[in-house]
Amino acid sequence: MKRLLVPTILETPHHAPRSPWFPRLPYPLHVVSRDTTPGARKAQLAAYRRLGSARRAEMAYELSQQAQAVTIAGIRSRDRRLSAEAARTVLIRRLLGAELFDAAYPDSA
């Protein structure tokens, strides 16, 4: 099997974060679509920059909420007996892992 060589943030010092609070990530900070031309990618980045940080944060929050809703719907489709709240609890348990979930939600058995 051929191994893909993907540069990571650890291998690209010009992308190294300057802040001690920003973690050094073992994966690229950006992904470039193979079906997007360089010109289209440049236009997309310019459009995102024009939005400003507040709007980009709002869009990220909306995307997170949509992903959560889709995941909860998937959980409920596999177990029709679950309420929306019970499915949300299943999602939180999956995200946190059993040990952290049990520590954070001790009354949820």
Protein backbone atom coordinates (compact mmCIF):
# COMPACT_ATOMS: atom_id res chain seq x y z
CA MET A 1 0.00 0.00 0.00
CA LYS A 2 1.34 3.42 -0.97
CA ARG A 3 1.66 5.83 1.92
CA LEU A 4 0.43 9.34 1.29
CA LEU A 5 2.82 12.04 2.37
CA VAL A 6 0.74 14.81 3.88
CA PRO A 7 2.65 17.68 5.47
CA THR A 8 1.56 18.38 9.01
CA ILE A 9 1.86 21.46 11.14
CA LEU A 10 4.79 19.80 12.90
CA GLU A 11 6.62 19.46 9.58
CA THR A 12 5.91 22.99 8.37
CA PRO A 13 7.62 25.50 10.68
CA HIS A 14 6.18 28.50 8.82
CA HIS A 15 2.75 27.37 10.08
CA ALA A 16 3.96 26.85 13.64
CA PRO A 17 1.77 28.71 16.10
CA ARG A 18 3.35 31.63 17.91
CA SER A 19 1.15 31.38 21.03
CA PRO A 20 1.95 29.01 23.90
CA TRP A 21 -1.82 28.47 24.32
CA PHE A 22 -2.28 27.18 20.78
CA PRO A 23 -1.63 23.42 20.63
CA ARG A 24 0.76 21.93 18.10
CA LEU A 25 -1.50 19.80 15.98
CA PRO A 26 -0.32 16.60 14.27
CA TYR A 27 -2.48 17.29 11.20
CA PRO A 28 -2.83 20.06 8.61
CA LEU A 29 -4.79 23.12 9.68
CA HIS A 30 -6.46 23.35 6.29
CA VAL A 31 -7.70 20.94 3.71
CA VAL A 32 -7.76 21.83 0.03
CA SER A 33 -10.44 20.19 -2.07
CA ARG A 34 -9.13 18.36 -5.10
CA ASP A 35 -12.03 19.63 -7.21
CA THR A 36 -11.48 23.32 -6.38
CA THR A 37 -9.30 25.42 -8.63
CA PRO A 38 -6.68 27.67 -7.02
CA GLY A 39 -8.61 30.73 -8.23
CA ALA A 40 -11.85 29.49 -6.69
CA ARG A 41 -10.06 28.66 -3.44
CA LYS A 42 -8.56 32.17 -3.35
CA ALA A 43 -11.99 33.74 -3.93
CA GLN A 44 -13.52 31.55 -1.21
CA LEU A 45 -10.86 32.56 1.32
CA ALA A 46 -11.33 36.23 0.43
CA ALA A 47 -15.09 35.88 0.97
CA TYR A 48 -14.55 34.24 4.37
CA ARG A 49 -12.16 37.02 5.40
CA ARG A 50 -14.73 39.68 4.43
CA LEU A 51 -17.28 38.04 6.72
CA GLY A 52 -15.28 38.95 9.80
CA SER A 53 -14.49 36.83 12.81
CA ALA A 54 -17.90 37.21 14.49
CA ARG A 55 -19.81 35.94 11.44
CA ARG A 56 -17.33 33.09 10.91
CA ALA A 57 -17.79 32.07 14.56
CA GLU A 58 -21.57 32.24 14.10
CA MET A 59 -21.34 30.02 11.00
CA ALA A 60 -19.15 27.52 12.88
CA TYR A 61 -21.71 27.42 15.70
CA GLU A 62 -24.56 26.88 13.23
CA LEU A 63 -22.64 24.06 11.55
CA SER A 64 -22.00 22.46 14.93
CA GLN A 65 -25.70 22.68 15.82
CA GLN A 66 -26.68 21.14 12.48
CA ALA A 67 -24.18 18.31 12.90
CA GLN A 68 -25.53 17.65 16.39
CA ALA A 69 -29.12 17.58 15.11
CA VAL A 70 -28.23 15.14 12.31
CA THR A 71 -26.36 12.90 14.76
CA ILE A 72 -29.24 12.91 17.23
CA ALA A 73 -31.67 12.07 14.42
CA GLY A 74 -29.41 9.15 13.46
CA ILE A 75 -29.30 7.92 17.05
CA ARG A 76 -33.08 8.12 17.30
CA SER A 77 -33.56 6.33 13.97
CA ARG A 78 -31.59 3.37 15.34
CA ASP A 79 -33.60 3.31 18.59
CA ARG A 80 -37.13 4.66 18.09
CA ARG A 81 -37.85 4.48 21.83
CA LEU A 82 -35.41 7.30 22.65
CA SER A 83 -36.67 10.80 23.27
CA ALA A 84 -34.74 13.74 21.84
CA GLU A 85 -33.23 14.36 25.29
CA ALA A 86 -32.22 10.71 25.73
CA ALA A 87 -30.60 10.73 22.28
CA ARG A 88 -28.74 13.92 23.22
CA THR A 89 -27.46 12.13 26.33
CA VAL A 90 -26.25 9.24 24.15
CA LEU A 91 -24.43 11.75 21.93
CA ILE A 92 -22.76 13.45 24.89
CA ARG A 93 -21.65 10.07 26.24
CA ARG A 94 -20.13 9.20 22.85
CA LEU A 95 -18.32 12.53 22.65
CA LEU A 96 -16.95 12.47 26.20
CA GLY A 97 -16.33 8.76 26.60
CA ALA A 98 -17.82 6.65 29.38
CA GLU A 99 -15.40 7.62 32.14
CA LEU A 100 -15.65 11.39 31.70
CA PHE A 101 -19.40 11.20 31.07
CA ASP A 102 -19.94 9.27 34.32
CA ALA A 103 -17.84 11.82 36.21
CA ALA A 104 -19.69 14.78 34.67
CA TYR A 105 -23.18 13.25 34.88
CA PRO A 106 -23.14 10.96 37.94
CA ASP A 107 -26.95 10.82 38.20
CA SER A 108 -27.37 9.68 34.60
CA ALA A 109 -27.41 5.91 34.84
